[in-house]
Amino acid sequence: MLDFTLPPLSSYLRNSTVAPSEGLSATTTPRFAYIPLLLNPVEEKQLQHYDNNNTRAASPPTLMDTLAFELPPHKRKRCQDADPGAHDRSPASRPICNVHGCSKLVTREGVCTSHGGRYFCIVAGCPKQRLKKGLCFAHGGVSYCKVPGCDKTRQKRGLCKTHGGVAYCKVDGCTNASNSKGLCRDHGGIKYCRTEGCQNLMLREGLCRLHGGFEYCKSPYCSRIAIEGGHCRTHTISPNS
């Protein structure tokens, strides 16, 4: 193993001071310290301790563990066991989560949703998952019923369930919501996978998702199901564009 040393971390901090955050005094202003393969906000007193007691480069995982409390919420939630190496591939040629032993599909930054690969609300300090326009439910990332004074979320045609934003089964006397062809689940508005013994819902060509009844979006690193032209709803290209 090669033996090498790094210059003091404080030498990387010129012109890098940021405005003090709430709850911190000017003497403990967070700074961004350059560390090979890692960028973490730390306090100046921690940098001084590092320069005085460390002459050899610490490995990124060890340093990440010691500074984890300084990271923003969405980075603290991200699993620290993810391997930054090459992706494994699923049978459908989709990237697999980098966390050892996980076979779920990658959604963001090399990991699946269970290990932190979510998209979070763009409101500063909010750790909730975003829904629409970069916002979570609490910050307006949802559409509401268009009836004046109604604060319920809309379901269909811009209306909530109370105001008719749902289609009901066309069988006389049935009040269940329709699933397909105007029929509810009880009256044949749903179909199951044709694979023997499988009770999953059919998605495509008589098969469920587990048995290959779907197609992934063709956009790179997108794990959504294609709905039109080989692309998901987000990446569907409008014919007029």
C-alpha atoms as a PDB file:
ATOM      1  CA  MET A   1       0.000   0.000   0.000  1.00  0.00           C
ATOM      2  CA  LEU A   2       1.301   3.448  -0.910  1.00  0.00           C
ATOM      3  CA  ASP A   3       2.110   5.760   1.976  1.00  0.00           C
ATOM      4  CA  PHE A   4       1.332   9.400   1.287  1.00  0.00           C
ATOM      5  CA  THR A   5       0.223  12.490   3.170  1.00  0.00           C
ATOM      6  CA  LEU A   6      -2.123  15.325   2.390  1.00  0.00           C
ATOM      7  CA  PRO A   7      -1.624  19.045   3.052  1.00  0.00           C
ATOM      8  CA  PRO A   8      -3.676  20.564   5.908  1.00  0.00           C
ATOM      9  CA  LEU A   9      -7.350  20.665   5.067  1.00  0.00           C
ATOM     10  CA  SER A  10      -7.522  24.320   6.049  1.00  0.00           C
ATOM     11  CA  SER A  11      -5.447  25.114   2.948  1.00  0.00           C
ATOM     12  CA  TYR A  12      -8.462  24.234   0.814  1.00  0.00           C
ATOM     13  CA  LEU A  13     -10.784  26.646   2.598  1.00  0.00           C
ATOM     14  CA  ARG A  14      -9.727  29.974   1.131  1.00  0.00           C
ATOM     15  CA  ASN A  15     -12.711  32.010   0.005  1.00  0.00           C
ATOM     16  CA  SER A  16     -15.062  29.176   0.977  1.00  0.00           C
ATOM     17  CA  THR A  17     -16.802  30.736   3.982  1.00  0.00           C
ATOM     18  CA  VAL A  18     -20.578  30.604   3.831  1.00  0.00           C
ATOM     19  CA  ALA A  19     -23.176  32.531   5.784  1.00  0.00           C
ATOM     20  CA  PRO A  20     -23.749  31.253   9.333  1.00  0.00           C
ATOM     21  CA  SER A  21     -26.756  28.993   9.568  1.00  0.00           C
ATOM     22  CA  GLU A  22     -29.412  29.252  12.230  1.00  0.00           C
ATOM     23  CA  GLY A  23     -28.195  28.127  15.625  1.00  0.00           C
ATOM     24  CA  LEU A  24     -24.459  28.539  14.824  1.00  0.00           C
ATOM     25  CA  SER A  25     -22.256  31.440  15.835  1.00  0.00           C
ATOM     26  CA  ALA A  26     -19.774  33.169  13.556  1.00  0.00           C
ATOM     27  CA  THR A  27     -16.931  31.193  15.146  1.00  0.00           C
ATOM     28  CA  THR A  28     -18.477  27.881  14.101  1.00  0.00           C
ATOM     29  CA  THR A  29     -19.464  28.808  10.560  1.00  0.00           C
ATOM     30  CA  PRO A  30     -19.799  25.652   8.447  1.00  0.00           C
ATOM     31  CA  ARG A  31     -17.245  25.395   5.675  1.00  0.00           C
ATOM     32  CA  PHE A  32     -16.820  22.999   2.804  1.00  0.00           C
ATOM     33  CA  ALA A  33     -13.619  21.003   3.089  1.00  0.00           C
ATOM     34  CA  TYR A  34     -12.175  19.337   0.025  1.00  0.00           C
ATOM     35  CA  ILE A  35     -11.441  15.692   0.682  1.00  0.00           C
ATOM     36  CA  PRO A  36     -10.511  13.295  -2.108  1.00  0.00           C
ATOM     37  CA  LEU A  37     -13.639  11.486  -3.338  1.00  0.00           C
ATOM     38  CA  LEU A  38     -15.783  13.196  -0.673  1.00  0.00           C
ATOM     39  CA  LEU A  39     -17.237  16.646  -0.031  1.00  0.00           C
ATOM     40  CA  ASN A  40     -18.612  17.292   3.440  1.00  0.00           C
ATOM     41  CA  PRO A  41     -19.540  20.434   5.383  1.00  0.00           C
ATOM     42  CA  VAL A  42     -17.572  20.560   8.626  1.00  0.00           C
ATOM     43  CA  GLU A  43     -16.841  23.069  11.353  1.00  0.00           C
ATOM     44  CA  GLU A  44     -13.527  24.877  11.690  1.00  0.00           C
ATOM     45  CA  LYS A  45     -12.781  23.407  15.121  1.00  0.00           C
ATOM     46  CA  GLN A  46     -13.159  19.924  13.618  1.00  0.00           C
ATOM     47  CA  LEU A  47     -10.745  20.830  10.816  1.00  0.00           C
ATOM     48  CA  GLN A  48      -8.139  21.994  13.325  1.00  0.00           C
ATOM     49  CA  HIS A  49      -8.482  18.737  15.240  1.00  0.00           C
ATOM     50  CA  TYR A  50      -8.093  16.811  11.986  1.00  0.00           C
ATOM     51  CA  ASP A  51      -4.937  18.718  10.960  1.00  0.00           C
ATOM     52  CA  ASN A  52      -3.313  18.203  14.372  1.00  0.00           C
ATOM     53  CA  ASN A  53      -4.052  14.515  14.749  1.00  0.00           C
ATOM     54  CA  ASN A  54      -4.142  13.092  11.223  1.00  0.00           C
ATOM     55  CA  THR A  55      -1.283  13.015   8.767  1.00  0.00           C
ATOM     56  CA  ARG A  56      -2.469  10.184   6.577  1.00  0.00           C
ATOM     57  CA  ALA A  57      -5.589  10.317   4.445  1.00  0.00           C
ATOM     58  CA  ALA A  58      -8.611   8.749   6.086  1.00  0.00           C
ATOM     59  CA  SER A  59     -10.702   6.411   3.994  1.00  0.00           C
ATOM     60  CA  PRO A  60     -13.946   7.995   2.733  1.00  0.00           C
ATOM     61  CA  PRO A  61     -16.293   5.625   4.615  1.00  0.00           C
ATOM     62  CA  THR A  62     -14.554   6.294   7.953  1.00  0.00           C
ATOM     63  CA  LEU A  63     -14.651  10.037   7.487  1.00  0.00           C
ATOM     64  CA  MET A  64     -18.265   9.872   6.341  1.00  0.00           C
ATOM     65  CA  ASP A  65     -19.217   8.085   9.541  1.00  0.00           C
ATOM     66  CA  THR A  66     -17.615  10.778  11.714  1.00  0.00           C
ATOM     67  CA  LEU A  67     -19.245  13.654   9.832  1.00  0.00           C
ATOM     68  CA  ALA A  68     -22.633  12.104   9.089  1.00  0.00           C
ATOM     69  CA  PHE A  69     -24.454  14.468  11.432  1.00  0.00           C
ATOM     70  CA  GLU A  70     -23.264  17.425   9.343  1.00  0.00           C
ATOM     71  CA  LEU A  71     -24.961  16.209   6.159  1.00  0.00           C
ATOM     72  CA  PRO A  72     -28.394  17.438   5.049  1.00  0.00           C
ATOM     73  CA  PRO A  73     -31.383  15.144   5.761  1.00  0.00           C
ATOM     74  CA  HIS A  74     -31.609  13.521   2.334  1.00  0.00           C
ATOM     75  CA  LYS A  75     -27.897  12.641   2.391  1.00  0.00           C
ATOM     76  CA  ARG A  76     -28.071  11.281   5.946  1.00  0.00           C
ATOM     77  CA  LYS A  77     -30.850   8.918   4.866  1.00  0.00           C
ATOM     78  CA  ARG A  78     -28.853   7.559   1.950  1.00  0.00           C
ATOM     79  CA  CYS A  79     -27.363   4.188   2.781  1.00  0.00           C
ATOM     80  CA  GLN A  80     -23.620   4.339   3.485  1.00  0.00           C
ATOM     81  CA  ASP A  81     -23.067   0.756   2.293  1.00  0.00           C
ATOM     82  CA  ALA A  82     -23.568   1.530  -1.380  1.00  0.00           C
ATOM     83  CA  ASP A  83     -20.699   0.421  -3.570  1.00  0.00           C
ATOM     84  CA  PRO A  84     -19.694   3.229  -5.984  1.00  0.00           C
ATOM     85  CA  GLY A  85     -18.358   0.671  -8.444  1.00  0.00           C
ATOM     86  CA  ALA A  86     -19.925  -0.596 -11.641  1.00  0.00           C
ATOM     87  CA  HIS A  87     -23.616  -1.428 -11.713  1.00  0.00           C
ATOM     88  CA  ASP A  88     -24.878  -4.955 -11.880  1.00  0.00           C
ATOM     89  CA  ARG A  89     -27.599  -5.468 -14.448  1.00  0.00           C
ATOM     90  CA  SER A  90     -31.044  -6.970 -14.095  1.00  0.00           C
ATOM     91  CA  PRO A  91     -32.383  -9.528 -16.602  1.00  0.00           C
ATOM     92  CA  ALA A  92     -34.102  -6.638 -18.384  1.00  0.00           C
ATOM     93  CA  SER A  93     -30.751  -4.781 -18.682  1.00  0.00           C
ATOM     94  CA  ARG A  94     -31.624  -2.256 -15.990  1.00  0.00           C
ATOM     95  CA  PRO A  95     -29.144  -1.066 -13.318  1.00  0.00           C
ATOM     96  CA  ILE A  96     -29.345  -2.819  -9.957  1.00  0.00           C
ATOM     97  CA  CYS A  97     -28.918  -1.078  -6.590  1.00  0.00           C
ATOM     98  CA  ASN A  98     -25.267  -0.843  -5.526  1.00  0.00           C
ATOM     99  CA  VAL A  99     -25.997  -1.964  -1.959  1.00  0.00           C
ATOM    100  CA  HIS A 100     -24.647  -5.474  -1.473  1.00  0.00           C
ATOM    101  CA  GLY A 101     -27.399  -8.083  -1.574  1.00  0.00           C
ATOM    102  CA  CYS A 102     -30.076  -5.714  -2.904  1.00  0.00           C
ATOM    103  CA  SER A 103     -31.696  -6.668  -6.209  1.00  0.00           C
ATOM    104  CA  LYS A 104     -33.984  -3.649  -6.600  1.00  0.00           C
ATOM    105  CA  LEU A 105     -33.695  -1.251  -9.521  1.00  0.00           C
ATOM    106  CA  VAL A 106     -31.693   1.950  -9.325  1.00  0.00           C
ATOM    107  CA  THR A 107     -33.757   5.121  -9.077  1.00  0.00           C
ATOM    108  CA  ARG A 108     -31.145   7.750  -8.206  1.00  0.00           C
ATOM    109  CA  GLU A 109     -27.414   8.030  -7.528  1.00  0.00           C
ATOM    110  CA  GLY A 110     -26.799   4.306  -7.873  1.00  0.00           C
ATOM    111  CA  VAL A 111     -29.245   3.124  -5.211  1.00  0.00           C
ATOM    112  CA  CYS A 112     -32.896   2.085  -5.038  1.00  0.00           C
ATOM    113  CA  THR A 113     -35.669   3.923  -3.209  1.00  0.00           C
ATOM    114  CA  SER A 114     -35.270   1.725  -0.114  1.00  0.00           C
ATOM    115  CA  HIS A 115     -31.632   2.781   0.272  1.00  0.00           C
ATOM    116  CA  GLY A 116     -32.067   6.510  -0.259  1.00  0.00           C
ATOM    117  CA  GLY A 117     -32.505   6.852  -4.001  1.00  0.00           C
ATOM    118  CA  ARG A 118     -35.541   9.095  -3.689  1.00  0.00           C
ATOM    119  CA  TYR A 119     -36.212  12.565  -4.975  1.00  0.00           C
ATOM    120  CA  PHE A 120     -36.872  14.910  -2.095  1.00  0.00           C
ATOM    121  CA  CYS A 121     -38.872  18.103  -1.727  1.00  0.00           C
ATOM    122  CA  ILE A 122     -37.009  21.180  -2.976  1.00  0.00           C
ATOM    123  CA  VAL A 123     -38.056  23.231   0.064  1.00  0.00           C
ATOM    124  CA  ALA A 124     -34.970  23.832   2.200  1.00  0.00           C
ATOM    125  CA  GLY A 125     -34.819  21.504   5.192  1.00  0.00           C
ATOM    126  CA  CYS A 126     -37.722  19.286   4.091  1.00  0.00           C
ATOM    127  CA  PRO A 127     -36.837  15.545   4.063  1.00  0.00           C
ATOM    128  CA  LYS A 128     -40.128  14.380   2.509  1.00  0.00           C
ATOM    129  CA  GLN A 129     -40.369  12.748  -0.890  1.00  0.00           C
ATOM    130  CA  ARG A 130     -41.483  15.041  -3.675  1.00  0.00           C
ATOM    131  CA  LEU A 131     -44.638  14.391  -5.658  1.00  0.00           C
ATOM    132  CA  LYS A 132     -45.228  17.156  -8.186  1.00  0.00           C
ATOM    133  CA  LYS A 133     -43.239  20.180  -9.380  1.00  0.00           C
ATOM    134  CA  GLY A 134     -40.461  19.240  -6.969  1.00  0.00           C
ATOM    135  CA  LEU A 135     -42.682  19.627  -3.899  1.00  0.00           C
ATOM    136  CA  CYS A 136     -43.976  17.187  -1.300  1.00  0.00           C
ATOM    137  CA  PHE A 137     -47.617  16.875  -0.245  1.00  0.00           C
ATOM    138  CA  ALA A 138     -47.214  19.336   2.630  1.00  0.00           C
ATOM    139  CA  HIS A 139     -45.683  22.041   0.409  1.00  0.00           C
ATOM    140  CA  GLY A 140     -48.201  21.913  -2.424  1.00  0.00           C
ATOM    141  CA  GLY A 141     -46.956  19.039  -4.560  1.00  0.00           C
ATOM    142  CA  VAL A 142     -50.497  17.822  -5.162  1.00  0.00           C
ATOM    143  CA  SER A 143     -53.500  18.942  -7.224  1.00  0.00           C
ATOM    144  CA  TYR A 144     -56.781  19.751  -5.514  1.00  0.00           C
ATOM    145  CA  CYS A 145     -60.404  19.534  -6.563  1.00  0.00           C
ATOM    146  CA  LYS A 146     -61.434  22.410  -8.841  1.00  0.00           C
ATOM    147  CA  VAL A 147     -64.717  22.949  -6.990  1.00  0.00           C
ATOM    148  CA  PRO A 148     -64.406  26.288  -5.114  1.00  0.00           C
ATOM    149  CA  GLY A 149     -63.823  25.778  -1.411  1.00  0.00           C
ATOM    150  CA  CYS A 150     -62.953  22.073  -1.710  1.00  0.00           C
ATOM    151  CA  ASP A 151     -59.531  21.150  -0.333  1.00  0.00           C
ATOM    152  CA  LYS A 152     -59.601  17.447  -1.252  1.00  0.00           C
ATOM    153  CA  THR A 153     -57.148  15.995  -3.746  1.00  0.00           C
ATOM    154  CA  ARG A 154     -58.487  15.498  -7.235  1.00  0.00           C
ATOM    155  CA  GLN A 155     -58.983  12.040  -8.700  1.00  0.00           C
ATOM    156  CA  LYS A 156     -60.340  12.434 -12.226  1.00  0.00           C
ATOM    157  CA  ARG A 157     -61.436  15.281 -14.508  1.00  0.00           C
ATOM    158  CA  GLY A 158     -60.100  17.753 -11.952  1.00  0.00           C
ATOM    159  CA  LEU A 159     -62.594  16.630  -9.311  1.00  0.00           C
ATOM    160  CA  CYS A 160     -62.307  14.811  -6.004  1.00  0.00           C
ATOM    161  CA  LYS A 161     -64.228  11.629  -5.272  1.00  0.00           C
ATOM    162  CA  THR A 162     -66.986  13.550  -3.488  1.00  0.00           C
ATOM    163  CA  HIS A 163     -67.659  15.797  -6.479  1.00  0.00           C
ATOM    164  CA  GLY A 164     -67.691  13.106  -9.135  1.00  0.00           C
ATOM    165  CA  GLY A 165     -64.022  12.599  -9.837  1.00  0.00           C
ATOM    166  CA  VAL A 166     -64.423   8.857 -10.016  1.00  0.00           C
ATOM    167  CA  ALA A 167     -66.099   6.486 -12.468  1.00  0.00           C
ATOM    168  CA  TYR A 168     -68.418   3.841 -11.060  1.00  0.00           C
ATOM    169  CA  CYS A 169     -69.223   0.372 -12.295  1.00  0.00           C
ATOM    170  CA  LYS A 170     -71.860   0.427 -15.029  1.00  0.00           C
ATOM    171  CA  VAL A 171     -73.667  -2.608 -13.623  1.00  0.00           C
ATOM    172  CA  ASP A 172     -77.038  -1.488 -12.238  1.00  0.00           C
ATOM    173  CA  GLY A 173     -77.025  -1.125  -8.476  1.00  0.00           C
ATOM    174  CA  CYS A 174     -73.221  -1.409  -8.139  1.00  0.00           C
ATOM    175  CA  THR A 175     -71.481   1.467  -6.362  1.00  0.00           C
ATOM    176  CA  ASN A 176     -67.912   0.202  -6.736  1.00  0.00           C
ATOM    177  CA  ALA A 177     -65.387   2.212  -8.707  1.00  0.00           C
ATOM    178  CA  SER A 178     -64.725   0.893 -12.198  1.00  0.00           C
ATOM    179  CA  ASN A 179     -61.365  -0.644 -13.030  1.00  0.00           C
ATOM    180  CA  SER A 180     -61.573  -1.411 -16.721  1.00  0.00           C
ATOM    181  CA  LYS A 181     -64.176  -1.173 -19.491  1.00  0.00           C
ATOM    182  CA  GLY A 182     -66.618   0.451 -17.079  1.00  0.00           C
ATOM    183  CA  LEU A 183     -66.653  -2.535 -14.743  1.00  0.00           C
ATOM    184  CA  CYS A 184     -65.450  -2.971 -11.179  1.00  0.00           C
ATOM    185  CA  ARG A 185     -63.271  -5.788  -9.884  1.00  0.00           C
ATOM    186  CA  ASP A 186     -66.276  -7.902  -8.886  1.00  0.00           C
ATOM    187  CA  HIS A 187     -67.922  -7.677 -12.319  1.00  0.00           C
ATOM    188  CA  GLY A 188     -64.964  -8.466 -14.529  1.00  0.00           C
ATOM    189  CA  GLY A 189     -63.242  -5.115 -14.730  1.00  0.00           C
ATOM    190  CA  ILE A 190     -59.917  -6.661 -13.915  1.00  0.00           C
ATOM    191  CA  LYS A 191     -57.836  -9.445 -15.410  1.00  0.00           C
ATOM    192  CA  TYR A 192     -55.248 -11.688 -13.839  1.00  0.00           C
ATOM    193  CA  CYS A 193     -51.963 -13.030 -15.113  1.00  0.00           C
ATOM    194  CA  ARG A 194     -52.359 -16.016 -17.431  1.00  0.00           C
ATOM    195  CA  THR A 195     -49.488 -17.847 -15.713  1.00  0.00           C
ATOM    196  CA  GLU A 196     -50.856 -20.890 -13.927  1.00  0.00           C
ATOM    197  CA  GLY A 197     -51.329 -20.290 -10.220  1.00  0.00           C
ATOM    198  CA  CYS A 198     -50.545 -16.557 -10.424  1.00  0.00           C
ATOM    199  CA  GLN A 199     -53.079 -14.150  -8.898  1.00  0.00           C
ATOM    200  CA  ASN A 200     -51.274 -10.929  -9.837  1.00  0.00           C
ATOM    201  CA  LEU A 201     -52.989  -8.364 -12.031  1.00  0.00           C
ATOM    202  CA  MET A 202     -52.357  -8.491 -15.752  1.00  0.00           C
ATOM    203  CA  LEU A 203     -50.392  -5.587 -17.205  1.00  0.00           C
ATOM    204  CA  ARG A 204     -49.420  -6.499 -20.758  1.00  0.00           C
ATOM    205  CA  GLU A 205     -49.925  -9.416 -23.151  1.00  0.00           C
ATOM    206  CA  GLY A 206     -51.786 -11.409 -20.511  1.00  0.00           C
ATOM    207  CA  LEU A 207     -48.876 -11.313 -18.053  1.00  0.00           C
ATOM    208  CA  CYS A 208     -48.235  -9.562 -14.763  1.00  0.00           C
ATOM    209  CA  ARG A 209     -45.135  -7.557 -13.950  1.00  0.00           C
ATOM    210  CA  LEU A 210     -43.466 -10.513 -12.247  1.00  0.00           C
ATOM    211  CA  HIS A 211     -43.809 -12.674 -15.369  1.00  0.00           C
ATOM    212  CA  GLY A 212     -42.678 -10.104 -17.907  1.00  0.00           C
ATOM    213  CA  GLY A 213     -45.887  -8.285 -18.751  1.00  0.00           C
ATOM    214  CA  PHE A 214     -44.228  -4.881 -18.972  1.00  0.00           C
ATOM    215  CA  GLU A 215     -41.510  -2.906 -20.691  1.00  0.00           C
ATOM    216  CA  TYR A 216     -39.089  -0.457 -19.080  1.00  0.00           C
ATOM    217  CA  CYS A 217     -38.737   3.120 -20.239  1.00  0.00           C
ATOM    218  CA  LYS A 218     -35.973   3.517 -22.835  1.00  0.00           C
ATOM    219  CA  SER A 219     -34.583   6.657 -21.180  1.00  0.00           C
ATOM    220  CA  PRO A 220     -31.218   6.018 -19.458  1.00  0.00           C
ATOM    221  CA  TYR A 221     -31.447   5.077 -15.759  1.00  0.00           C
ATOM    222  CA  CYS A 222     -35.256   5.314 -15.721  1.00  0.00           C
ATOM    223  CA  SER A 223     -36.918   2.388 -13.936  1.00  0.00           C
ATOM    224  CA  ARG A 224     -40.506   3.388 -14.725  1.00  0.00           C
ATOM    225  CA  ILE A 225     -42.762   1.247 -16.900  1.00  0.00           C
ATOM    226  CA  ALA A 226     -43.177   2.335 -20.515  1.00  0.00           C
ATOM    227  CA  ILE A 227     -46.699   3.343 -21.464  1.00  0.00           C
ATOM    228  CA  GLU A 228     -46.312   4.797 -24.959  1.00  0.00           C
ATOM    229  CA  GLY A 229     -43.621   4.570 -27.615  1.00  0.00           C
ATOM    230  CA  GLY A 230     -41.230   2.757 -25.290  1.00  0.00           C
ATOM    231  CA  HIS A 231     -41.184   5.608 -22.760  1.00  0.00           C
ATOM    232  CA  CYS A 232     -42.804   6.251 -19.396  1.00  0.00           C
ATOM    233  CA  ARG A 233     -45.261   9.071 -18.778  1.00  0.00           C
ATOM    234  CA  THR A 234     -42.464  11.434 -17.722  1.00  0.00           C
ATOM    235  CA  HIS A 235     -40.298  10.798 -20.785  1.00  0.00           C
ATOM    236  CA  THR A 236     -43.035  10.409 -23.385  1.00  0.00           C
ATOM    237  CA  ILE A 237     -42.238  12.683 -26.325  1.00  0.00           C
ATOM    238  CA  SER A 238     -45.202  14.649 -27.587  1.00  0.00           C
ATOM    239  CA  PRO A 239     -45.813  14.211 -31.338  1.00  0.00           C
ATOM    240  CA  ASN A 240     -46.199  18.001 -31.605  1.00  0.00           C
ATOM    241  CA  SER A 241     -42.851  18.782 -29.963  1.00  0.00           C
END
